[in-house]
Protein backbone atom coordinates (compact mmCIF):
# COMPACT_ATOMS: atom_id res chain seq x y z
CA MET A 1 47.13 54.86 46.14
CA MET A 2 46.56 52.31 42.99
CA TYR A 3 50.34 51.59 42.33
CA ARG A 4 50.73 50.52 45.57
CA GLN A 5 47.91 48.05 45.68
CA ILE A 6 49.21 46.29 42.21
CA THR A 7 53.01 46.25 43.48
CA LEU A 8 51.83 44.17 46.58
CA LEU A 9 49.46 42.04 44.36
CA LEU A 10 52.21 41.32 42.66
CA LEU A 11 54.81 40.82 45.21
CA LEU A 12 51.57 38.35 47.33
CA LEU A 13 51.82 36.41 43.70
CA LEU A 14 55.26 35.61 43.49
CA LEU A 15 55.35 34.65 47.25
CA LEU A 16 52.95 31.99 47.18
CA PRO A 17 53.92 28.51 46.57
CA GLY A 18 54.20 27.65 43.02
CA ALA A 19 53.17 30.86 41.57
CA ALA A 20 53.72 31.30 37.92
CA LEU A 21 52.85 33.70 35.54
CA ALA A 22 50.05 32.66 33.40
CA ARG A 23 50.68 32.05 30.19
CA VAL A 24 48.49 33.78 27.08
CA ASP A 25 48.28 32.60 23.77
CA ALA A 26 46.85 35.17 21.58
CA GLU A 27 46.66 35.62 17.48
CA ILE A 28 44.96 38.04 15.26
CA THR A 29 42.42 35.91 13.45
CA HIS A 30 41.62 39.43 11.04
CA SER A 31 41.71 42.98 10.93
CA ILE A 32 39.12 45.63 10.04
CA LYS A 33 39.55 48.90 8.27
CA THR A 34 36.59 50.99 8.50
CA GLU A 35 35.37 53.51 6.25
CA THR A 36 35.76 56.11 8.94
CA PRO A 37 37.89 56.82 12.12
CA PRO A 38 36.30 53.87 14.86
CA ARG A 39 35.31 55.89 18.27
CA ASP A 40 33.86 52.93 20.25
CA LEU A 41 33.20 49.14 19.83
CA ALA A 42 31.46 46.70 21.43
CA GLY A 43 30.32 42.81 20.40
CA SER A 44 27.24 41.60 19.98
CA THR A 45 25.86 38.92 23.05
CA ASP A 46 25.97 35.69 20.84
CA GLY A 47 29.88 36.54 19.55
CA GLN A 48 28.79 36.48 16.21
CA TRP A 49 29.17 40.55 15.25
CA LEU A 50 31.37 43.06 16.43
CA TYR A 51 30.10 47.20 15.96
CA VAL A 52 31.87 49.60 15.24
CA LEU A 53 30.71 53.38 16.08
CA THR A 54 32.68 55.78 13.73
CA GLU A 55 32.63 59.53 13.13
CA GLY A 56 29.95 60.70 11.16
CA GLY A 57 27.14 58.86 12.97
CA ARG A 58 27.62 55.42 11.32
CA VAL A 59 27.98 52.11 13.44
CA GLN A 60 29.16 49.41 11.18
CA VAL A 61 28.00 45.62 11.87
CA TYR A 62 30.85 43.17 10.98
CA GLY A 63 30.85 39.59 10.82
CA ALA A 64 32.97 37.19 12.81
CA ASP A 65 35.16 36.98 9.75
CA GLY A 66 35.69 40.54 10.01
CA ALA A 67 33.49 41.49 6.21
CA LEU A 68 31.53 44.52 6.68
CA ASN A 69 27.27 43.62 6.87
CA ASP A 70 25.71 46.43 7.08
CA VAL A 71 25.54 49.91 8.33
CA ILE A 72 23.00 51.60 10.62
CA LYS A 73 22.59 55.86 11.04
CA VAL A 74 22.59 57.45 14.41
CA ASP A 75 23.20 60.76 15.53
CA PRO A 76 26.61 61.99 13.87
CA ALA A 77 27.54 63.22 17.91
CA MET A 78 27.47 59.72 19.35
CA ASP A 79 30.68 58.56 20.57
CA ARG A 80 30.45 55.65 22.88
CA ILE A 81 28.35 52.46 22.40
CA SER A 82 27.20 49.21 24.23
CA VAL A 83 25.45 46.26 24.21
CA ALA A 84 22.69 44.44 25.90
CA GLY A 85 20.53 41.41 25.19
CA PHE A 86 20.43 37.68 25.75
CA ALA A 87 21.21 35.15 22.71
CA GLY A 88 20.69 31.91 25.02
CA ALA A 89 17.11 33.17 25.69
CA GLY A 90 16.27 34.67 22.36
CA ILE A 91 16.52 37.92 23.20
CA ASP A 92 17.94 40.04 20.49
CA ASP A 93 20.66 42.62 21.28
CA LYS A 94 19.74 46.43 21.78
CA VAL A 95 22.74 48.61 21.22
CA TYR A 96 22.69 51.90 22.82
CA VAL A 97 24.95 54.71 21.52
CA SER A 98 25.26 57.69 23.21
CA SER A 99 27.23 61.20 23.67
CA SER A 100 29.44 62.51 26.05
CA LYS A 101 29.33 65.62 24.80
CA ASN A 102 25.80 66.50 25.07
CA GLY A 103 24.50 63.33 27.40
CA ALA A 104 21.92 61.93 24.18
CA VAL A 105 21.17 58.47 23.89
CA GLN A 106 19.68 56.14 21.18
CA ALA A 107 18.66 52.46 21.22
CA LEU A 108 18.51 50.12 18.54
CA ALA A 109 16.91 47.06 18.10
CA VAL A 110 18.77 44.92 16.54
CA SER A 111 18.09 41.54 14.67
CA PHE A 112 20.01 39.36 12.27
CA ALA A 113 18.77 37.14 8.86
CA VAL A 114 19.33 33.90 9.48
CA SER A 115 19.44 31.31 6.74
CA VAL A 116 16.80 27.96 7.37
CA ASP A 117 16.99 25.20 5.25
CA THR A 118 13.68 24.52 3.43
CA THR A 119 15.05 21.55 1.32
CA GLY A 120 12.32 18.96 1.25
CA ALA A 121 9.64 21.23 3.47
CA PRO A 122 6.30 21.70 1.78
CA PHE A 123 5.17 25.48 0.23
CA VAL A 124 2.48 27.22 -1.52
CA GLY A 125 3.52 29.57 -4.26
CA PRO A 126 5.70 30.08 -7.12
CA ALA A 127 9.18 27.32 -6.31
CA ASN A 128 11.03 30.02 -7.31
CA ALA A 129 9.81 33.16 -5.69
CA PRO A 130 11.90 36.14 -4.96
CA VAL A 131 10.30 36.40 -1.17
CA GLU A 132 10.29 33.35 1.00
CA ILE A 133 8.32 33.39 4.27
CA VAL A 134 9.48 29.92 6.37
CA VAL A 135 6.75 29.35 9.23
CA PHE A 136 7.80 27.21 12.10
CA SER A 137 4.22 25.80 13.63
CA ASP A 138 3.07 23.11 15.81
CA PHE A 139 -0.22 21.66 15.50
CA GLU A 140 -1.48 22.03 18.74
CA CYS A 141 -0.40 25.54 19.63
CA PRO A 142 -3.96 27.68 19.22
CA TYR A 143 -1.84 30.75 18.12
CA CYS A 144 -0.50 29.15 15.03
CA GLY A 145 -4.20 27.89 13.94
CA GLN A 146 -4.73 31.86 13.35
CA VAL A 147 -1.63 32.58 10.77
CA GLY A 148 -3.01 30.10 8.06
CA PRO A 149 -5.97 32.66 6.91
CA LEU A 150 -3.52 35.44 7.39
CA LEU A 151 -0.85 33.91 5.12
CA ASP A 152 -3.69 32.98 2.72
CA GLN A 153 -4.22 37.10 2.93
CA VAL A 154 -0.50 37.42 1.81
CA LEU A 155 -0.48 34.98 -0.78
CA GLU A 156 -3.12 36.34 -2.77
CA ARG A 157 -1.83 39.45 -2.79
CA ASN A 158 1.75 38.71 -3.44
CA ALA A 159 0.70 35.43 -5.57
CA LYS A 160 3.65 35.82 -8.15
CA ASN A 161 6.51 37.04 -5.51
CA VAL A 162 5.63 34.92 -2.43
CA LYS A 163 5.84 31.36 -1.21
CA VAL A 164 5.12 30.17 2.35
CA VAL A 165 7.31 26.98 3.15
CA PHE A 166 6.21 24.95 6.20
CA LYS A 167 8.36 23.45 9.40
CA HIS A 168 7.84 21.84 12.04
CA PHE A 169 8.88 22.98 15.36
CA PRO A 170 6.40 20.56 17.96
CA LEU A 171 6.77 21.62 21.36
CA ALA A 172 7.52 19.54 24.26
CA PHE A 173 4.72 20.64 26.20
CA HIS A 174 2.27 19.76 23.80
CA LYS A 175 1.94 15.99 23.61
CA SER A 176 -0.04 15.48 20.96
CA ALA A 177 2.16 18.21 18.58
CA ARG A 178 4.94 15.50 17.64
CA PRO A 179 2.37 12.73 16.46
CA ALA A 180 0.90 15.29 14.56
CA ALA A 181 3.74 16.58 13.07
CA ILE A 182 4.71 13.25 11.88
CA ALA A 183 1.21 12.27 10.33
CA ALA A 184 1.56 15.35 8.53
CA MET A 185 4.50 14.45 6.73
CA ALA A 186 2.82 10.58 6.41
CA ALA A 187 0.40 12.63 4.13
CA GLN A 188 2.85 14.63 2.52
CA LYS A 189 4.47 11.51 0.97
CA GLN A 190 1.11 10.66 -0.60
CA GLY A 191 0.56 14.54 -2.14
CA LYS A 192 -1.42 15.72 0.26
CA PHE A 193 0.44 17.76 2.88
CA TRP A 194 -1.84 20.89 3.33
CA GLU A 195 -5.03 19.12 3.37
CA MET A 196 -4.05 17.63 6.20
CA HIS A 197 -2.66 20.31 7.53
CA ASP A 198 -5.73 22.24 7.24
CA ARG A 199 -7.85 19.22 9.13
CA LEU A 200 -5.17 18.89 11.91
CA PHE A 201 -5.81 22.49 12.50
CA GLN A 202 -9.52 22.15 12.33
CA HIS A 203 -9.13 19.21 15.06
CA GLN A 204 -6.31 20.76 17.57
CA LYS A 205 -8.45 19.23 20.53
CA ASN A 206 -8.82 15.81 18.97
CA LEU A 207 -5.23 15.06 17.67
CA THR A 208 -5.08 10.95 18.23
CA PRO A 209 -4.03 8.00 16.77
CA GLU A 210 -7.20 7.62 15.39
CA LYS A 211 -8.27 10.78 14.36
CA PHE A 212 -5.28 10.93 11.99
CA ARG A 213 -6.24 7.73 10.83
CA ALA A 214 -9.91 8.74 9.83
CA LEU A 215 -8.54 11.61 8.39
CA ALA A 216 -6.20 9.71 6.15
CA GLN A 217 -9.50 7.69 5.13
CA GLU A 218 -11.29 11.21 4.47
CA LEU A 219 -8.41 11.94 2.09
CA LYS A 220 -8.54 8.63 0.15
CA LEU A 221 -4.62 8.12 1.14
CA ASN A 222 -3.63 4.45 1.26
CA LEU A 223 -3.83 3.39 5.09
CA ALA A 224 -1.58 1.02 4.84
CA GLN A 225 1.37 3.14 3.30
CA PHE A 226 -0.06 6.00 5.48
CA ASP A 227 0.61 3.80 8.64
CA LYS A 228 4.09 2.55 7.53
CA ASP A 229 5.40 6.17 6.73
CA GLN A 230 4.15 6.95 10.32
CA ALA A 231 6.22 4.37 12.42
CA GLY A 232 9.19 4.42 9.95
CA PRO A 233 12.27 6.35 11.30
CA GLU A 234 12.46 8.90 7.93
CA ALA A 235 9.82 10.74 9.59
CA ALA A 236 11.07 11.22 12.87
CA GLN A 237 14.19 11.85 11.20
CA ARG A 238 13.36 14.57 9.43
CA LEU A 239 11.07 15.87 12.23
CA ASP A 240 14.29 16.26 14.59
CA LYS A 241 15.62 18.14 11.75
CA ASP A 242 12.86 20.84 11.33
CA ILE A 243 13.21 20.77 14.52
CA ASN A 244 17.18 21.61 14.96
CA ASP A 245 16.68 23.69 11.95
CA GLY A 246 14.29 26.14 14.26
CA ARG A 247 16.65 25.80 17.21
CA ARG A 248 20.03 27.58 15.10
CA ALA A 249 17.46 30.22 13.57
CA GLY A 250 16.63 31.01 17.44
CA VAL A 251 13.39 29.67 17.53
CA ARG A 252 11.94 29.81 21.42
CA GLY A 253 7.83 29.36 20.41
CA THR A 254 5.43 28.46 17.95
CA PRO A 255 4.41 30.24 15.73
CA THR A 256 7.50 32.22 14.14
CA LEU A 257 7.81 33.47 11.07
CA PHE A 258 10.87 34.75 8.98
CA ILE A 259 10.76 36.83 5.60
CA ASN A 260 13.64 35.57 3.77
CA GLY A 261 15.55 35.06 7.24
CA ARG A 262 14.43 38.10 8.70
CA ARG A 263 12.18 37.19 12.08
CA VAL A 264 8.64 38.46 12.16
CA LYS A 265 8.54 40.92 15.10
CA ASP A 266 4.50 41.65 14.52
CA ARG A 267 2.23 39.00 13.34
CA ASN A 268 -0.12 41.04 11.01
CA ALA A 269 -1.24 41.90 7.34
CA ALA A 270 0.45 45.29 7.09
CA VAL A 271 3.95 44.51 9.03
CA ILE A 272 4.47 41.40 6.46
CA GLN A 273 3.35 43.64 3.43
CA GLN A 274 6.06 46.18 4.42
CA MET A 275 8.95 43.46 5.12
CA ILE A 276 7.77 41.99 1.67
CA ASN A 277 7.81 45.21 -0.40
CA GLU A 278 11.47 46.04 1.57
CA GLU A 279 13.12 42.40 -0.12
CA LEU A 280 11.27 42.96 -2.65
CA LYS A 281 12.66 46.48 -3.36
CA GLY A 282 16.14 45.66 -1.77
CA ARG A 283 16.17 43.05 -4.83
CA LYS A 284 15.56 45.71 -7.25
């Protein structure tokens, strides 16, 4: 029955005016040689990764260049794999493996480390620290104001191994967040970013140009230079770069934290410390 339907469809296409065979251009971009025979494979939702389920219960993760990035161990009985997620909405891949023999199913929450450019961004901690925590933040975001004490605690416990880097990510619906970020950048030009950072979070409900200038005066900044730096193009350009860096890293809201490029999914001291320990162990 299926054969007859396909034959009829082909005949109809040939009889249509102007019908022609479609031309398909294809080329082999790269080849992959798995360590053990593959059983099934699936692509990530953003098209950047390939998950290959092989014999022995191993999910091998390959990048777009065909290079093996990591291996995830699963039940050896698994012989099928599929992927769900929505990269465009910042929803990480979830990989499902299942067994046609015993009906077992395992779900794997998968996220990838990203590279964030922190050149010129303000930081605290050793410049060459092996662990870098990048914080994308918004001065009008109440949750961002709560991250500071948490990171102070993390820094105190890991003084030699961790540095915290601040990246601006003012949300569009926070109308005062962008000018506050520019005020902080102007203070950074005079070596007082973190002092301005703390005061801006203390005055989240009063982020006005008058308050920015009053805080600058309190910090004994050169007010003429402060005004000039706020109005100049450099701060706006740097701010836009931070925002674009965040978008490329998959930031959708604030605060968003990355530890050596790995997204922090649960902002508490225990989880952050565990991730720091994993990074230190990995380096050793």
